[in-house]
Amino acid sequence: MSQDGLLPELFAQVHPRLKTPHLSQTMIGVVVSIVAAFTPISVLGEMA
């Protein structure tokens, strides 16, 4: 989708050796870790 222009160019970049979209994976990981850090453990337990 990013090659078609539907998503920003950031999501189209792949790691030269691993061939994975490393920048978008890092960005998603940071967002998920921030949400997990500020969500109460009882709510996280209910979601899991």
N, C-alpha and C. Protein backbone atom coordinates (compact mmCIF):
# COMPACT_ATOMS: atom_id res chain seq x y z
N MET A 1 0.82 -1.19 0.00
CA MET A 1 0.00 0.00 0.00
C MET A 1 0.87 1.25 0.00
N SER A 2 2.01 1.19 0.64
CA SER A 2 2.85 2.39 0.67
C SER A 2 3.51 2.63 -0.68
N GLN A 3 3.70 1.58 -1.46
CA GLN A 3 4.26 1.77 -2.79
C GLN A 3 3.23 2.39 -3.73
N ASP A 4 1.95 2.22 -3.43
CA ASP A 4 0.88 2.83 -4.23
C ASP A 4 0.62 4.27 -3.83
N GLY A 5 1.18 4.72 -2.73
CA GLY A 5 0.97 6.08 -2.27
C GLY A 5 -0.15 6.21 -1.26
N LEU A 6 -0.73 5.09 -0.81
CA LEU A 6 -1.81 5.14 0.17
C LEU A 6 -1.30 5.38 1.58
N LEU A 7 -0.06 5.01 1.83
CA LEU A 7 0.59 5.25 3.12
C LEU A 7 1.84 6.08 2.89
N PRO A 8 2.35 6.74 3.93
CA PRO A 8 3.58 7.52 3.77
C PRO A 8 4.77 6.65 3.34
N GLU A 9 5.75 7.27 2.74
CA GLU A 9 6.95 6.59 2.24
C GLU A 9 7.71 5.87 3.36
N LEU A 10 7.57 6.34 4.59
CA LEU A 10 8.24 5.72 5.73
C LEU A 10 7.90 4.23 5.83
N PHE A 11 6.68 3.86 5.53
CA PHE A 11 6.24 2.47 5.67
C PHE A 11 6.73 1.59 4.53
N ALA A 12 7.25 2.16 3.47
CA ALA A 12 7.74 1.37 2.33
C ALA A 12 9.20 0.99 2.48
N GLN A 13 9.92 1.63 3.38
CA GLN A 13 11.35 1.36 3.52
C GLN A 13 11.57 0.02 4.22
N VAL A 14 12.40 -0.84 3.62
CA VAL A 14 12.71 -2.13 4.22
C VAL A 14 14.18 -2.20 4.57
N HIS A 15 14.49 -3.00 5.56
CA HIS A 15 15.87 -3.19 5.99
C HIS A 15 16.63 -3.93 4.88
N PRO A 16 17.84 -3.48 4.55
CA PRO A 16 18.55 -4.09 3.43
C PRO A 16 18.90 -5.57 3.64
N ARG A 17 19.18 -5.97 4.87
CA ARG A 17 19.56 -7.36 5.11
C ARG A 17 18.35 -8.22 5.49
N LEU A 18 17.46 -7.69 6.33
CA LEU A 18 16.35 -8.48 6.85
C LEU A 18 15.11 -8.47 5.96
N LYS A 19 15.02 -7.47 5.10
CA LYS A 19 13.88 -7.32 4.18
C LYS A 19 12.54 -7.19 4.92
N THR A 20 12.56 -6.50 6.05
CA THR A 20 11.35 -6.22 6.82
C THR A 20 11.20 -4.70 6.95
N PRO A 21 9.97 -4.23 7.14
CA PRO A 21 9.76 -2.78 7.32
C PRO A 21 10.16 -2.35 8.74
N HIS A 22 11.44 -2.20 8.97
CA HIS A 22 11.97 -1.99 10.32
C HIS A 22 11.56 -0.66 10.94
N LEU A 23 11.42 0.39 10.18
CA LEU A 23 11.06 1.69 10.77
C LEU A 23 9.62 1.68 11.28
N SER A 24 8.73 1.11 10.51
CA SER A 24 7.34 1.06 10.97
C SER A 24 7.18 0.11 12.15
N GLN A 25 7.94 -1.00 12.18
CA GLN A 25 7.88 -1.91 13.32
C GLN A 25 8.40 -1.25 14.59
N THR A 26 9.45 -0.46 14.46
CA THR A 26 9.99 0.26 15.61
C THR A 26 9.00 1.29 16.12
N MET A 27 8.37 2.02 15.21
CA MET A 27 7.39 3.04 15.60
C MET A 27 6.18 2.40 16.29
N ILE A 28 5.69 1.30 15.77
CA ILE A 28 4.56 0.62 16.39
C ILE A 28 4.95 0.08 17.76
N GLY A 29 6.15 -0.46 17.89
CA GLY A 29 6.62 -0.97 19.17
C GLY A 29 6.72 0.11 20.23
N VAL A 30 7.18 1.30 19.84
CA VAL A 30 7.26 2.41 20.79
C VAL A 30 5.87 2.84 21.25
N VAL A 31 4.94 2.93 20.32
CA VAL A 31 3.56 3.34 20.67
C VAL A 31 2.93 2.31 21.61
N VAL A 32 3.09 1.03 21.31
CA VAL A 32 2.50 -0.02 22.15
C VAL A 32 3.13 -0.02 23.54
N SER A 33 4.44 0.19 23.61
CA SER A 33 5.09 0.20 24.93
C SER A 33 4.66 1.41 25.77
N ILE A 34 4.44 2.55 25.13
CA ILE A 34 3.97 3.73 25.86
C ILE A 34 2.55 3.50 26.40
N VAL A 35 1.69 2.94 25.56
CA VAL A 35 0.32 2.65 26.01
C VAL A 35 0.35 1.64 27.14
N ALA A 36 1.18 0.61 27.04
CA ALA A 36 1.26 -0.40 28.09
C ALA A 36 1.82 0.18 29.39
N ALA A 37 2.71 1.14 29.28
CA ALA A 37 3.32 1.74 30.48
C ALA A 37 2.31 2.56 31.27
N PHE A 38 1.34 3.17 30.60
CA PHE A 38 0.40 4.06 31.28
C PHE A 38 -0.98 3.44 31.50
N THR A 39 -1.15 2.17 31.14
CA THR A 39 -2.42 1.50 31.36
C THR A 39 -2.32 0.69 32.65
N PRO A 40 -3.33 0.80 33.52
CA PRO A 40 -3.28 0.04 34.77
C PRO A 40 -3.21 -1.47 34.53
N ILE A 41 -2.53 -2.17 35.41
CA ILE A 41 -2.31 -3.61 35.24
C ILE A 41 -3.63 -4.38 35.26
N SER A 42 -4.62 -3.89 35.99
CA SER A 42 -5.91 -4.59 36.03
C SER A 42 -6.60 -4.55 34.67
N VAL A 43 -6.49 -3.42 33.97
CA VAL A 43 -7.08 -3.30 32.64
C VAL A 43 -6.32 -4.18 31.65
N LEU A 44 -5.00 -4.22 31.76
CA LEU A 44 -4.20 -5.09 30.89
C LEU A 44 -4.54 -6.56 31.13
N GLY A 45 -4.78 -6.93 32.38
CA GLY A 45 -5.16 -8.29 32.69
C GLY A 45 -6.51 -8.68 32.11
N GLU A 46 -7.44 -7.75 32.09
CA GLU A 46 -8.74 -8.02 31.50
C GLU A 46 -8.64 -8.17 29.99
N MET A 47 -7.75 -7.40 29.36
CA MET A 47 -7.61 -7.46 27.91
C MET A 47 -6.91 -8.75 27.48
N ALA A 48 -6.04 -9.27 28.32
CA ALA A 48 -5.32 -10.50 27.96
C ALA A 48 -6.14 -11.69 28.35
